[in-house]
Amino acid sequence: MTLKLQIILGVVLILAFLLLVNMIRKKSLELKYALSWLIVIFALFILDCFPVLLDDVASFLGIFSPVNMIFFLGFVFSLLIIFVLTIALSRISNRVRALAQNLALSTKKLEILEKKLEELEKGNEPTET
């Protein structure tokens, strides 16, 4: 990797880090979802500073080319992100369903109470429902 490419990649990683921190600060991104991105940015910054590490790790793992290792790690990382987001989506879906059911029950109770109130205001005894 040339020095020029290392500098450009370092600047891009620093900008990505600052953008991520800004999004966390503005609460447009939760820390639990940003943590994996922070780890990736940190790992890429280490590899940018010490590019020989990528060659050493790739040869240690028996991967022929460091580029293949980057693609493989990117694929694994993408799968992990998809899995975590699927779990979060399932939890949110269950929560929305429970909230909708609670809202329906509360609305029904409110209708019953309003009906009883109308009957009381008319001077009638409320009927049991």
C-alpha atoms as a PDB file:
ATOM      1  CA  MET A   1       0.000   0.000   0.000  1.00  0.00           C
ATOM      2  CA  THR A   2       1.432   3.348  -0.973  1.00  0.00           C
ATOM      3  CA  LEU A   3       1.900   6.137   1.523  1.00  0.00           C
ATOM      4  CA  LYS A   4      -0.546   8.344  -0.395  1.00  0.00           C
ATOM      5  CA  LEU A   5      -3.248   5.663  -0.181  1.00  0.00           C
ATOM      6  CA  GLN A   6      -2.539   5.169   3.533  1.00  0.00           C
ATOM      7  CA  ILE A   7      -2.965   8.892   4.176  1.00  0.00           C
ATOM      8  CA  ILE A   8      -6.203   9.071   2.170  1.00  0.00           C
ATOM      9  CA  LEU A   9      -7.594   5.994   3.934  1.00  0.00           C
ATOM     10  CA  GLY A  10      -6.570   7.407   7.320  1.00  0.00           C
ATOM     11  CA  VAL A  11      -8.343  10.700   6.614  1.00  0.00           C
ATOM     12  CA  VAL A  12     -11.477   8.877   5.415  1.00  0.00           C
ATOM     13  CA  LEU A  13     -11.484   6.716   8.557  1.00  0.00           C
ATOM     14  CA  ILE A  14     -11.085   9.748  10.807  1.00  0.00           C
ATOM     15  CA  LEU A  15     -13.957  11.497   9.007  1.00  0.00           C
ATOM     16  CA  ALA A  16     -16.099   8.354   9.346  1.00  0.00           C
ATOM     17  CA  PHE A  17     -15.274   8.222  13.057  1.00  0.00           C
ATOM     18  CA  LEU A  18     -16.206  11.881  13.537  1.00  0.00           C
ATOM     19  CA  LEU A  19     -19.453  11.398  11.612  1.00  0.00           C
ATOM     20  CA  LEU A  20     -20.325   8.381  13.751  1.00  0.00           C
ATOM     21  CA  VAL A  21     -19.569  10.223  16.992  1.00  0.00           C
ATOM     22  CA  ASN A  22     -21.647  13.185  15.812  1.00  0.00           C
ATOM     23  CA  MET A  23     -24.590  10.906  15.004  1.00  0.00           C
ATOM     24  CA  ILE A  24     -24.341   9.315  18.455  1.00  0.00           C
ATOM     25  CA  ARG A  25     -24.154  12.739  20.084  1.00  0.00           C
ATOM     26  CA  LYS A  26     -27.242  13.945  18.196  1.00  0.00           C
ATOM     27  CA  LYS A  27     -28.991  10.679  19.142  1.00  0.00           C
ATOM     28  CA  SER A  28     -29.709   9.813  15.519  1.00  0.00           C
ATOM     29  CA  LEU A  29     -27.811   6.551  16.082  1.00  0.00           C
ATOM     30  CA  GLU A  30     -27.853   4.451  19.234  1.00  0.00           C
ATOM     31  CA  LEU A  31     -24.550   3.490  20.787  1.00  0.00           C
ATOM     32  CA  LYS A  32     -25.367  -0.226  20.751  1.00  0.00           C
ATOM     33  CA  TYR A  33     -25.682  -0.131  16.949  1.00  0.00           C
ATOM     34  CA  ALA A  34     -22.702   2.161  16.474  1.00  0.00           C
ATOM     35  CA  LEU A  35     -20.360   0.041  18.568  1.00  0.00           C
ATOM     36  CA  SER A  36     -19.728  -2.482  15.793  1.00  0.00           C
ATOM     37  CA  TRP A  37     -18.963   0.335  13.360  1.00  0.00           C
ATOM     38  CA  LEU A  38     -16.567   1.899  15.864  1.00  0.00           C
ATOM     39  CA  ILE A  39     -14.755  -1.439  16.170  1.00  0.00           C
ATOM     40  CA  VAL A  40     -14.496  -1.754  12.379  1.00  0.00           C
ATOM     41  CA  ILE A  41     -13.167   1.791  12.028  1.00  0.00           C
ATOM     42  CA  PHE A  42     -10.597   1.126  14.753  1.00  0.00           C
ATOM     43  CA  ALA A  43      -9.513  -2.175  13.138  1.00  0.00           C
ATOM     44  CA  LEU A  44      -9.216  -0.570   9.710  1.00  0.00           C
ATOM     45  CA  PHE A  45      -7.203   2.293  11.184  1.00  0.00           C
ATOM     46  CA  ILE A  46      -4.784  -0.215  12.762  1.00  0.00           C
ATOM     47  CA  LEU A  47      -4.479  -2.032   9.429  1.00  0.00           C
ATOM     48  CA  ASP A  48      -3.952   1.308   7.699  1.00  0.00           C
ATOM     49  CA  CYS A  49      -1.116   2.203  10.066  1.00  0.00           C
ATOM     50  CA  PHE A  50       0.458  -1.280   9.898  1.00  0.00           C
ATOM     51  CA  PRO A  51      -0.386  -2.820   6.486  1.00  0.00           C
ATOM     52  CA  VAL A  52       2.066  -5.691   7.070  1.00  0.00           C
ATOM     53  CA  LEU A  53      -0.351  -7.031   9.706  1.00  0.00           C
ATOM     54  CA  LEU A  54      -2.899  -7.831   7.006  1.00  0.00           C
ATOM     55  CA  ASP A  55      -0.365  -9.913   5.083  1.00  0.00           C
ATOM     56  CA  ASP A  56       0.737 -11.719   8.241  1.00  0.00           C
ATOM     57  CA  VAL A  57      -2.795 -12.508   9.408  1.00  0.00           C
ATOM     58  CA  ALA A  58      -3.853 -13.661   5.938  1.00  0.00           C
ATOM     59  CA  SER A  59      -0.894 -16.032   5.620  1.00  0.00           C
ATOM     60  CA  PHE A  60      -1.429 -17.295   9.194  1.00  0.00           C
ATOM     61  CA  LEU A  61      -5.059 -18.135   8.386  1.00  0.00           C
ATOM     62  CA  GLY A  62      -4.039 -19.792   5.117  1.00  0.00           C
ATOM     63  CA  ILE A  63      -5.714 -17.199   2.925  1.00  0.00           C
ATOM     64  CA  PHE A  64      -3.771 -16.742  -0.290  1.00  0.00           C
ATOM     65  CA  SER A  65      -4.343 -13.031  -0.775  1.00  0.00           C
ATOM     66  CA  PRO A  66      -4.919 -10.274   1.798  1.00  0.00           C
ATOM     67  CA  VAL A  67      -7.595  -8.854  -0.494  1.00  0.00           C
ATOM     68  CA  ASN A  68      -9.520 -12.138  -0.242  1.00  0.00           C
ATOM     69  CA  MET A  69      -9.329 -11.873   3.533  1.00  0.00           C
ATOM     70  CA  ILE A  70     -10.749  -8.346   3.434  1.00  0.00           C
ATOM     71  CA  PHE A  71     -13.669  -9.514   1.285  1.00  0.00           C
ATOM     72  CA  PHE A  72     -14.269 -12.510   3.548  1.00  0.00           C
ATOM     73  CA  LEU A  73     -14.216 -10.374   6.699  1.00  0.00           C
ATOM     74  CA  GLY A  74     -16.532  -7.848   5.044  1.00  0.00           C
ATOM     75  CA  PHE A  75     -18.953 -10.639   4.176  1.00  0.00           C
ATOM     76  CA  VAL A  76     -18.877 -12.033   7.729  1.00  0.00           C
ATOM     77  CA  PHE A  77     -19.305  -8.557   9.195  1.00  0.00           C
ATOM     78  CA  SER A  78     -22.285  -7.900   6.915  1.00  0.00           C
ATOM     79  CA  LEU A  79     -23.907 -11.161   7.985  1.00  0.00           C
ATOM     80  CA  LEU A  80     -23.412 -10.284  11.652  1.00  0.00           C
ATOM     81  CA  ILE A  81     -24.949  -6.844  11.154  1.00  0.00           C
ATOM     82  CA  ILE A  82     -27.937  -8.364   9.335  1.00  0.00           C
ATOM     83  CA  PHE A  83     -28.395 -10.915  12.128  1.00  0.00           C
ATOM     84  CA  VAL A  84     -28.263  -8.290  14.891  1.00  0.00           C
ATOM     85  CA  LEU A  85     -30.686  -6.022  13.037  1.00  0.00           C
ATOM     86  CA  THR A  86     -33.058  -8.951  12.442  1.00  0.00           C
ATOM     87  CA  ILE A  87     -33.099  -9.656  16.178  1.00  0.00           C
ATOM     88  CA  ALA A  88     -33.774  -5.976  16.913  1.00  0.00           C
ATOM     89  CA  LEU A  89     -36.553  -5.902  14.314  1.00  0.00           C
ATOM     90  CA  SER A  90     -38.192  -8.981  15.843  1.00  0.00           C
ATOM     91  CA  ARG A  91     -38.115  -7.437  19.313  1.00  0.00           C
ATOM     92  CA  ILE A  92     -39.580  -4.176  18.031  1.00  0.00           C
ATOM     93  CA  SER A  93     -42.282  -6.050  16.120  1.00  0.00           C
ATOM     94  CA  ASN A  94     -43.298  -7.943  19.267  1.00  0.00           C
ATOM     95  CA  ARG A  95     -43.331  -4.705  21.246  1.00  0.00           C
ATOM     96  CA  VAL A  96     -45.497  -2.934  18.639  1.00  0.00           C
ATOM     97  CA  ARG A  97     -47.948  -5.845  18.661  1.00  0.00           C
ATOM     98  CA  ALA A  98     -48.211  -5.739  22.473  1.00  0.00           C
ATOM     99  CA  LEU A  99     -48.676  -1.959  22.450  1.00  0.00           C
ATOM    100  CA  ALA A 100     -51.396  -2.200  19.783  1.00  0.00           C
ATOM    101  CA  GLN A 101     -53.244  -4.810  21.846  1.00  0.00           C
ATOM    102  CA  ASN A 102     -52.967  -2.663  24.982  1.00  0.00           C
ATOM    103  CA  LEU A 103     -54.231   0.356  23.059  1.00  0.00           C
ATOM    104  CA  ALA A 104     -57.220  -1.608  21.764  1.00  0.00           C
ATOM    105  CA  LEU A 105     -58.101  -2.778  25.286  1.00  0.00           C
ATOM    106  CA  SER A 106     -57.717   0.740  26.687  1.00  0.00           C
ATOM    107  CA  THR A 107     -59.881   2.183  23.913  1.00  0.00           C
ATOM    108  CA  LYS A 108     -62.602  -0.374  24.602  1.00  0.00           C
ATOM    109  CA  LYS A 109     -62.504   0.385  28.345  1.00  0.00           C
ATOM    110  CA  LEU A 110     -62.712   4.109  27.601  1.00  0.00           C
ATOM    111  CA  GLU A 111     -65.762   3.582  25.380  1.00  0.00           C
ATOM    112  CA  ILE A 112     -67.488   1.598  28.142  1.00  0.00           C
ATOM    113  CA  LEU A 113     -66.710   4.277  30.735  1.00  0.00           C
ATOM    114  CA  GLU A 114     -67.933   7.065  28.431  1.00  0.00           C
ATOM    115  CA  LYS A 115     -71.168   5.166  27.852  1.00  0.00           C
ATOM    116  CA  LYS A 116     -71.669   4.745  31.616  1.00  0.00           C
ATOM    117  CA  LEU A 117     -70.948   8.441  32.155  1.00  0.00           C
ATOM    118  CA  GLU A 118     -73.564   9.429  29.557  1.00  0.00           C
ATOM    119  CA  GLU A 119     -76.134   7.218  31.257  1.00  0.00           C
ATOM    120  CA  LEU A 120     -75.321   8.737  34.652  1.00  0.00           C
ATOM    121  CA  GLU A 121     -75.633  12.261  33.270  1.00  0.00           C
ATOM    122  CA  LYS A 122     -79.083  11.388  31.888  1.00  0.00           C
ATOM    123  CA  GLY A 123     -80.115  10.197  35.335  1.00  0.00           C
ATOM    124  CA  ASN A 124     -80.348   6.557  34.420  1.00  0.00           C
ATOM    125  CA  GLU A 125     -78.671   3.724  36.234  1.00  0.00           C
ATOM    126  CA  PRO A 126     -75.699   2.441  34.243  1.00  0.00           C
ATOM    127  CA  THR A 127     -76.167  -0.969  32.715  1.00  0.00           C
ATOM    128  CA  GLU A 128     -73.609  -3.660  33.309  1.00  0.00           C
ATOM    129  CA  THR A 129     -71.517  -4.624  30.303  1.00  0.00           C
END
